Amino acid sequence: MQELINRLTAQGLTEEQAYKAIETIKDFAKEKFPVFAGAINKLFDKYSPKDEDDFLD
């Protein structure tokens, strides 16, 4: 996920905005493809920052 964050920040988003954008995309994908919601959660959770890596702290 860090590669995606880096690409988004290179396009002018702040790191916080990049994480929010990814969260929005995740929610959108789950709404459009509810049968894949579990897989989508696993994919994003695998690559999301852990609590100790929280960018807002």
N, C-alpha and C. Protein backbone atom coordinates (compact mmCIF):
# COMPACT_ATOMS: atom_id res chain seq x y z
N MET A 1 0.83 -1.19 0.00
CA MET A 1 0.00 0.00 0.00
C MET A 1 0.87 1.25 0.00
N GLN A 2 2.08 1.13 0.53
CA GLN A 2 2.94 2.31 0.58
C GLN A 2 3.25 2.83 -0.82
N GLU A 3 3.36 1.93 -1.79
CA GLU A 3 3.61 2.36 -3.15
C GLU A 3 2.45 3.22 -3.67
N LEU A 4 1.24 2.82 -3.35
CA LEU A 4 0.06 3.60 -3.76
C LEU A 4 0.04 4.94 -3.04
N ILE A 5 0.34 4.95 -1.76
CA ILE A 5 0.42 6.21 -1.00
C ILE A 5 1.46 7.12 -1.64
N ASN A 6 2.61 6.56 -1.98
CA ASN A 6 3.67 7.36 -2.60
C ASN A 6 3.21 7.95 -3.93
N ARG A 7 2.50 7.18 -4.72
CA ARG A 7 2.00 7.69 -6.00
C ARG A 7 1.00 8.82 -5.80
N LEU A 8 0.13 8.64 -4.83
CA LEU A 8 -0.88 9.67 -4.57
C LEU A 8 -0.25 10.95 -4.04
N THR A 9 0.73 10.81 -3.16
CA THR A 9 1.39 12.01 -2.63
C THR A 9 2.22 12.67 -3.73
N ALA A 10 2.77 11.90 -4.66
CA ALA A 10 3.51 12.48 -5.78
C ALA A 10 2.59 13.29 -6.69
N GLN A 11 1.30 12.96 -6.66
CA GLN A 11 0.31 13.69 -7.45
C GLN A 11 -0.23 14.92 -6.72
N GLY A 12 0.28 15.17 -5.52
CA GLY A 12 -0.09 16.39 -4.80
C GLY A 12 -0.96 16.21 -3.58
N LEU A 13 -1.38 14.98 -3.28
CA LEU A 13 -2.17 14.76 -2.08
C LEU A 13 -1.27 14.69 -0.86
N THR A 14 -1.79 15.10 0.28
CA THR A 14 -1.06 14.88 1.51
C THR A 14 -1.19 13.39 1.86
N GLU A 15 -0.38 12.93 2.77
CA GLU A 15 -0.46 11.52 3.17
C GLU A 15 -1.83 11.21 3.77
N GLU A 16 -2.36 12.12 4.56
CA GLU A 16 -3.68 11.92 5.15
C GLU A 16 -4.75 11.84 4.06
N GLN A 17 -4.68 12.71 3.07
CA GLN A 17 -5.64 12.68 1.97
C GLN A 17 -5.52 11.38 1.17
N ALA A 18 -4.30 10.90 1.00
CA ALA A 18 -4.08 9.65 0.27
C ALA A 18 -4.74 8.48 1.00
N TYR A 19 -4.57 8.41 2.30
CA TYR A 19 -5.19 7.34 3.08
C TYR A 19 -6.71 7.43 3.01
N LYS A 20 -7.24 8.65 3.07
CA LYS A 20 -8.70 8.82 2.97
C LYS A 20 -9.20 8.40 1.59
N ALA A 21 -8.44 8.72 0.55
CA ALA A 21 -8.82 8.33 -0.80
C ALA A 21 -8.86 6.81 -0.93
N ILE A 22 -7.88 6.15 -0.38
CA ILE A 22 -7.85 4.68 -0.44
C ILE A 22 -9.01 4.08 0.34
N GLU A 23 -9.32 4.64 1.48
CA GLU A 23 -10.46 4.17 2.27
C GLU A 23 -11.76 4.34 1.48
N THR A 24 -11.89 5.45 0.78
CA THR A 24 -13.08 5.69 -0.04
C THR A 24 -13.18 4.67 -1.17
N ILE A 25 -12.06 4.38 -1.80
CA ILE A 25 -12.03 3.38 -2.87
C ILE A 25 -12.41 2.01 -2.32
N LYS A 26 -11.90 1.67 -1.16
CA LYS A 26 -12.23 0.39 -0.53
C LYS A 26 -13.72 0.29 -0.26
N ASP A 27 -14.29 1.32 0.30
CA ASP A 27 -15.73 1.32 0.59
C ASP A 27 -16.56 1.23 -0.69
N PHE A 28 -16.14 1.94 -1.72
CA PHE A 28 -16.84 1.91 -3.00
C PHE A 28 -16.81 0.50 -3.60
N ALA A 29 -15.66 -0.13 -3.57
CA ALA A 29 -15.53 -1.48 -4.12
C ALA A 29 -16.41 -2.46 -3.35
N LYS A 30 -16.48 -2.31 -2.05
CA LYS A 30 -17.33 -3.21 -1.25
C LYS A 30 -18.80 -2.99 -1.55
N GLU A 31 -19.22 -1.76 -1.79
CA GLU A 31 -20.62 -1.47 -2.14
C GLU A 31 -20.97 -2.04 -3.51
N LYS A 32 -20.06 -1.90 -4.46
CA LYS A 32 -20.34 -2.34 -5.83
C LYS A 32 -20.21 -3.85 -5.99
N PHE A 33 -19.36 -4.46 -5.19
CA PHE A 33 -19.10 -5.90 -5.28
C PHE A 33 -19.21 -6.54 -3.90
N PRO A 34 -20.41 -6.54 -3.31
CA PRO A 34 -20.56 -7.03 -1.93
C PRO A 34 -20.14 -8.49 -1.75
N VAL A 35 -20.23 -9.27 -2.80
CA VAL A 35 -19.83 -10.67 -2.69
C VAL A 35 -18.32 -10.79 -2.41
N PHE A 36 -17.57 -9.76 -2.77
CA PHE A 36 -16.12 -9.75 -2.55
C PHE A 36 -15.70 -8.92 -1.34
N ALA A 37 -16.64 -8.50 -0.53
CA ALA A 37 -16.33 -7.61 0.60
C ALA A 37 -15.27 -8.20 1.53
N GLY A 38 -15.40 -9.49 1.82
CA GLY A 38 -14.41 -10.12 2.70
C GLY A 38 -13.02 -10.09 2.10
N ALA A 39 -12.92 -10.40 0.82
CA ALA A 39 -11.62 -10.38 0.15
C ALA A 39 -11.06 -8.97 0.07
N ILE A 40 -11.92 -8.02 -0.18
CA ILE A 40 -11.47 -6.62 -0.25
C ILE A 40 -10.93 -6.18 1.10
N ASN A 41 -11.65 -6.51 2.17
CA ASN A 41 -11.16 -6.17 3.51
C ASN A 41 -9.81 -6.81 3.80
N LYS A 42 -9.66 -8.07 3.45
CA LYS A 42 -8.38 -8.76 3.70
C LYS A 42 -7.25 -8.10 2.92
N LEU A 43 -7.53 -7.77 1.67
CA LEU A 43 -6.50 -7.14 0.84
C LEU A 43 -6.07 -5.81 1.43
N PHE A 44 -7.04 -4.96 1.74
CA PHE A 44 -6.69 -3.64 2.27
C PHE A 44 -6.12 -3.72 3.67
N ASP A 45 -6.62 -4.64 4.49
CA ASP A 45 -6.09 -4.78 5.85
C ASP A 45 -4.65 -5.27 5.83
N LYS A 46 -4.34 -6.14 4.87
CA LYS A 46 -2.97 -6.66 4.77
C LYS A 46 -1.98 -5.54 4.51
N TYR A 47 -2.38 -4.57 3.72
CA TYR A 47 -1.47 -3.51 3.32
C TYR A 47 -1.71 -2.18 4.02
N SER A 48 -2.66 -2.14 4.93
CA SER A 48 -2.92 -0.89 5.64
C SER A 48 -1.94 -0.73 6.79
N PRO A 49 -1.75 0.50 7.24
CA PRO A 49 -0.82 0.71 8.36
C PRO A 49 -1.36 0.06 9.62
N LYS A 50 -0.47 -0.46 10.40
CA LYS A 50 -0.86 -1.06 11.69
C LYS A 50 -1.04 0.06 12.70
N ASP A 51 -1.66 -0.26 13.83
CA ASP A 51 -1.92 0.77 14.84
C ASP A 51 -0.64 1.49 15.25
N GLU A 52 0.46 0.73 15.37
CA GLU A 52 1.71 1.38 15.79
C GLU A 52 2.28 2.24 14.67
N ASP A 53 1.81 2.05 13.43
CA ASP A 53 2.26 2.87 12.30
C ASP A 53 1.26 3.97 11.96
N ASP A 54 0.32 4.25 12.85
CA ASP A 54 -0.74 5.20 12.56
C ASP A 54 -0.15 6.54 12.16
N PHE A 55 -0.49 7.00 10.97
CA PHE A 55 0.05 8.24 10.44
C PHE A 55 -0.54 9.47 11.11
N LEU A 56 -1.61 9.30 11.85
CA LEU A 56 -2.25 10.46 12.50
C LEU A 56 -1.66 10.75 13.88
N ASP A 57 -0.86 9.84 14.40
CA ASP A 57 -0.28 10.05 15.73
C ASP A 57 0.86 11.02 15.70
